[in-house]
Amino acid sequence: MGKFVISQRKNGDFQFNLKATNGQVILASQGYASKASCENGIESVKNNATDDARFERLTSSNGKFYFNLKAGNGQVIGSSEMYESEASRDNGIESVKRNAPDASVEEETAA
């Protein structure tokens, strides 16, 4: 089962990463001004991840593939890493669909 990890950026914003069971980041969020907003973003990912229509499949200017997960209002709630192939990107989407709905939430502890 995957997990969401909440961390705080140097500028004070909060963000989350959805990690697969192998620890690889499969979805990263934007920065949020408050932890509560970040937690709402996680809930939005959980609620939208099972709807294939919410995934925007894209190609970057350098020819790499990635995706965004959008909420019902069209706002991007998470973005993937860059993939070398469309098939890898699509596997990433399937991984988000599998891992996000039941993922646990933890906070990153400072080292």
C-alpha atoms as a PDB file:
ATOM      1  CA  MET A   1       0.000   0.000   0.000  1.00  0.00           C
ATOM      2  CA  GLY A   2       1.230   3.466  -0.838  1.00  0.00           C
ATOM      3  CA  LYS A   3       1.604   6.408   1.510  1.00  0.00           C
ATOM      4  CA  PHE A   4       1.356  10.161   1.401  1.00  0.00           C
ATOM      5  CA  VAL A   5       4.287  11.960   3.001  1.00  0.00           C
ATOM      6  CA  ILE A   6       3.766  15.569   4.084  1.00  0.00           C
ATOM      7  CA  SER A   7       6.862  17.742   4.271  1.00  0.00           C
ATOM      8  CA  GLN A   8       7.622  21.426   4.669  1.00  0.00           C
ATOM      9  CA  ARG A   9       9.621  23.368   2.102  1.00  0.00           C
ATOM     10  CA  LYS A  10      12.346  25.856   2.956  1.00  0.00           C
ATOM     11  CA  ASN A  11       9.903  28.697   2.218  1.00  0.00           C
ATOM     12  CA  GLY A  12       7.461  27.356   4.816  1.00  0.00           C
ATOM     13  CA  ASP A  13       4.962  25.870   2.357  1.00  0.00           C
ATOM     14  CA  PHE A  14       3.696  22.331   2.867  1.00  0.00           C
ATOM     15  CA  GLN A  15       3.693  19.702   0.128  1.00  0.00           C
ATOM     16  CA  PHE A  16       2.943  16.016  -0.183  1.00  0.00           C
ATOM     17  CA  ASN A  17       4.364  13.165  -2.188  1.00  0.00           C
ATOM     18  CA  LEU A  18       2.489   9.955  -2.894  1.00  0.00           C
ATOM     19  CA  LYS A  19       4.942   7.088  -2.662  1.00  0.00           C
ATOM     20  CA  ALA A  20       4.415   3.567  -3.978  1.00  0.00           C
ATOM     21  CA  THR A  21       5.169   0.579  -1.761  1.00  0.00           C
ATOM     22  CA  ASN A  22       8.737   0.544  -3.121  1.00  0.00           C
ATOM     23  CA  GLY A  23       9.240   4.120  -1.874  1.00  0.00           C
ATOM     24  CA  GLN A  24       9.257   5.709  -5.326  1.00  0.00           C
ATOM     25  CA  VAL A  25       7.441   9.053  -5.619  1.00  0.00           C
ATOM     26  CA  ILE A  26       4.564   8.637  -8.081  1.00  0.00           C
ATOM     27  CA  LEU A  27       2.764  11.949  -7.533  1.00  0.00           C
ATOM     28  CA  ALA A  28       3.937  15.290  -6.129  1.00  0.00           C
ATOM     29  CA  SER A  29       1.821  18.231  -5.036  1.00  0.00           C
ATOM     30  CA  GLN A  30       2.124  21.953  -5.366  1.00  0.00           C
ATOM     31  CA  GLY A  31       3.074  24.026  -2.339  1.00  0.00           C
ATOM     32  CA  TYR A  32       0.344  24.838   0.185  1.00  0.00           C
ATOM     33  CA  ALA A  33       0.411  27.759   2.627  1.00  0.00           C
ATOM     34  CA  SER A  34      -1.024  25.655   5.465  1.00  0.00           C
ATOM     35  CA  LYS A  35      -0.854  22.043   6.586  1.00  0.00           C
ATOM     36  CA  ALA A  36      -4.660  21.883   6.566  1.00  0.00           C
ATOM     37  CA  SER A  37      -4.727  22.880   2.889  1.00  0.00           C
ATOM     38  CA  CYS A  38      -2.123  20.224   2.153  1.00  0.00           C
ATOM     39  CA  GLU A  39      -4.267  17.603   3.936  1.00  0.00           C
ATOM     40  CA  ASN A  40      -7.270  18.720   1.864  1.00  0.00           C
ATOM     41  CA  GLY A  41      -5.132  18.202  -1.249  1.00  0.00           C
ATOM     42  CA  ILE A  42      -4.423  14.630  -0.143  1.00  0.00           C
ATOM     43  CA  GLU A  43      -8.147  13.977   0.312  1.00  0.00           C
ATOM     44  CA  SER A  44      -8.764  15.364  -3.160  1.00  0.00           C
ATOM     45  CA  VAL A  45      -6.169  12.979  -4.629  1.00  0.00           C
ATOM     46  CA  LYS A  46      -7.796  10.045  -2.806  1.00  0.00           C
ATOM     47  CA  ASN A  47     -11.222  11.046  -4.152  1.00  0.00           C
ATOM     48  CA  ASN A  48     -10.133  11.694  -7.746  1.00  0.00           C
ATOM     49  CA  ALA A  49      -7.463   9.037  -8.318  1.00  0.00           C
ATOM     50  CA  THR A  50      -9.892   6.311  -9.360  1.00  0.00           C
ATOM     51  CA  ASP A  51     -11.413   8.421 -12.167  1.00  0.00           C
ATOM     52  CA  ASP A  52      -9.359   7.959 -15.338  1.00  0.00           C
ATOM     53  CA  ALA A  53     -10.844  11.141 -16.830  1.00  0.00           C
ATOM     54  CA  ARG A  54      -9.101  13.171 -14.094  1.00  0.00           C
ATOM     55  CA  PHE A  55      -5.658  12.237 -15.457  1.00  0.00           C
ATOM     56  CA  GLU A  56      -4.207  14.619 -18.026  1.00  0.00           C
ATOM     57  CA  ARG A  57      -1.610  12.787 -20.138  1.00  0.00           C
ATOM     58  CA  LEU A  58       1.061  15.178 -21.410  1.00  0.00           C
ATOM     59  CA  THR A  59       4.334  15.362 -23.311  1.00  0.00           C
ATOM     60  CA  SER A  60       6.974  17.902 -22.311  1.00  0.00           C
ATOM     61  CA  SER A  61       8.902  20.097 -24.728  1.00  0.00           C
ATOM     62  CA  ASN A  62      11.888  17.730 -24.456  1.00  0.00           C
ATOM     63  CA  GLY A  63       9.798  14.730 -25.527  1.00  0.00           C
ATOM     64  CA  LYS A  64       9.379  13.148 -22.089  1.00  0.00           C
ATOM     65  CA  PHE A  65       5.987  12.019 -20.822  1.00  0.00           C
ATOM     66  CA  TYR A  66       4.183  12.990 -17.622  1.00  0.00           C
ATOM     67  CA  PHE A  67       0.709  13.410 -16.173  1.00  0.00           C
ATOM     68  CA  ASN A  68      -1.292  15.709 -13.956  1.00  0.00           C
ATOM     69  CA  LEU A  69      -4.152  14.651 -11.718  1.00  0.00           C
ATOM     70  CA  LYS A  70      -6.939  17.221 -11.699  1.00  0.00           C
ATOM     71  CA  ALA A  71      -9.796  17.835  -9.293  1.00  0.00           C
ATOM     72  CA  GLY A  72     -13.390  18.186 -10.441  1.00  0.00           C
ATOM     73  CA  ASN A  73     -12.893  21.948 -10.785  1.00  0.00           C
ATOM     74  CA  GLY A  74      -9.997  21.416 -13.193  1.00  0.00           C
ATOM     75  CA  GLN A  75      -7.278  22.434 -10.739  1.00  0.00           C
ATOM     76  CA  VAL A  76      -4.085  20.352 -10.798  1.00  0.00           C
ATOM     77  CA  ILE A  77      -3.697  18.522  -7.476  1.00  0.00           C
ATOM     78  CA  GLY A  78      -0.632  16.452  -8.322  1.00  0.00           C
ATOM     79  CA  SER A  79       1.985  15.933 -11.009  1.00  0.00           C
ATOM     80  CA  SER A  80       4.163  12.991 -11.938  1.00  0.00           C
ATOM     81  CA  GLU A  81       7.843  12.731 -12.660  1.00  0.00           C
ATOM     82  CA  MET A  82       9.069  12.677 -16.252  1.00  0.00           C
ATOM     83  CA  TYR A  83       8.949   9.302 -17.996  1.00  0.00           C
ATOM     84  CA  GLU A  84      10.928   8.065 -20.995  1.00  0.00           C
ATOM     85  CA  SER A  85       7.904   6.401 -22.645  1.00  0.00           C
ATOM     86  CA  GLU A  86       4.136   6.663 -22.825  1.00  0.00           C
ATOM     87  CA  ALA A  87       3.887   3.132 -21.445  1.00  0.00           C
ATOM     88  CA  SER A  88       5.921   4.093 -18.361  1.00  0.00           C
ATOM     89  CA  ARG A  89       3.729   7.152 -17.832  1.00  0.00           C
ATOM     90  CA  ASP A  90       0.590   5.030 -18.120  1.00  0.00           C
ATOM     91  CA  ASN A  91       2.046   2.582 -15.586  1.00  0.00           C
ATOM     92  CA  GLY A  92       2.565   5.570 -13.272  1.00  0.00           C
ATOM     93  CA  ILE A  93      -1.098   6.511 -13.638  1.00  0.00           C
ATOM     94  CA  GLU A  94      -2.158   2.945 -12.823  1.00  0.00           C
ATOM     95  CA  SER A  95       0.096   3.033  -9.769  1.00  0.00           C
ATOM     96  CA  VAL A  96      -1.588   6.219  -8.521  1.00  0.00           C
ATOM     97  CA  LYS A  97      -5.016   4.624  -9.070  1.00  0.00           C
ATOM     98  CA  ARG A  98      -3.937   1.571  -7.043  1.00  0.00           C
ATOM     99  CA  ASN A  99      -2.045   3.321  -4.252  1.00  0.00           C
ATOM    100  CA  ALA A 100      -3.838   6.616  -3.571  1.00  0.00           C
ATOM    101  CA  PRO A 101      -7.337   5.605  -2.360  1.00  0.00           C
ATOM    102  CA  ASP A 102      -6.145   3.643   0.699  1.00  0.00           C
ATOM    103  CA  ALA A 103      -2.758   5.262   1.256  1.00  0.00           C
ATOM    104  CA  SER A 104      -1.756   6.199   4.768  1.00  0.00           C
ATOM    105  CA  VAL A 105      -0.625   9.740   5.606  1.00  0.00           C
ATOM    106  CA  GLU A 106       2.550  10.502   7.509  1.00  0.00           C
ATOM    107  CA  GLU A 107       4.666  13.518   8.205  1.00  0.00           C
ATOM    108  CA  GLU A 108       8.302  13.642   7.249  1.00  0.00           C
ATOM    109  CA  THR A 109      10.438  14.073  10.308  1.00  0.00           C
ATOM    110  CA  ALA A 110      13.409  16.398  10.192  1.00  0.00           C
ATOM    111  CA  ALA A 111      16.716  14.548  10.011  1.00  0.00           C
END
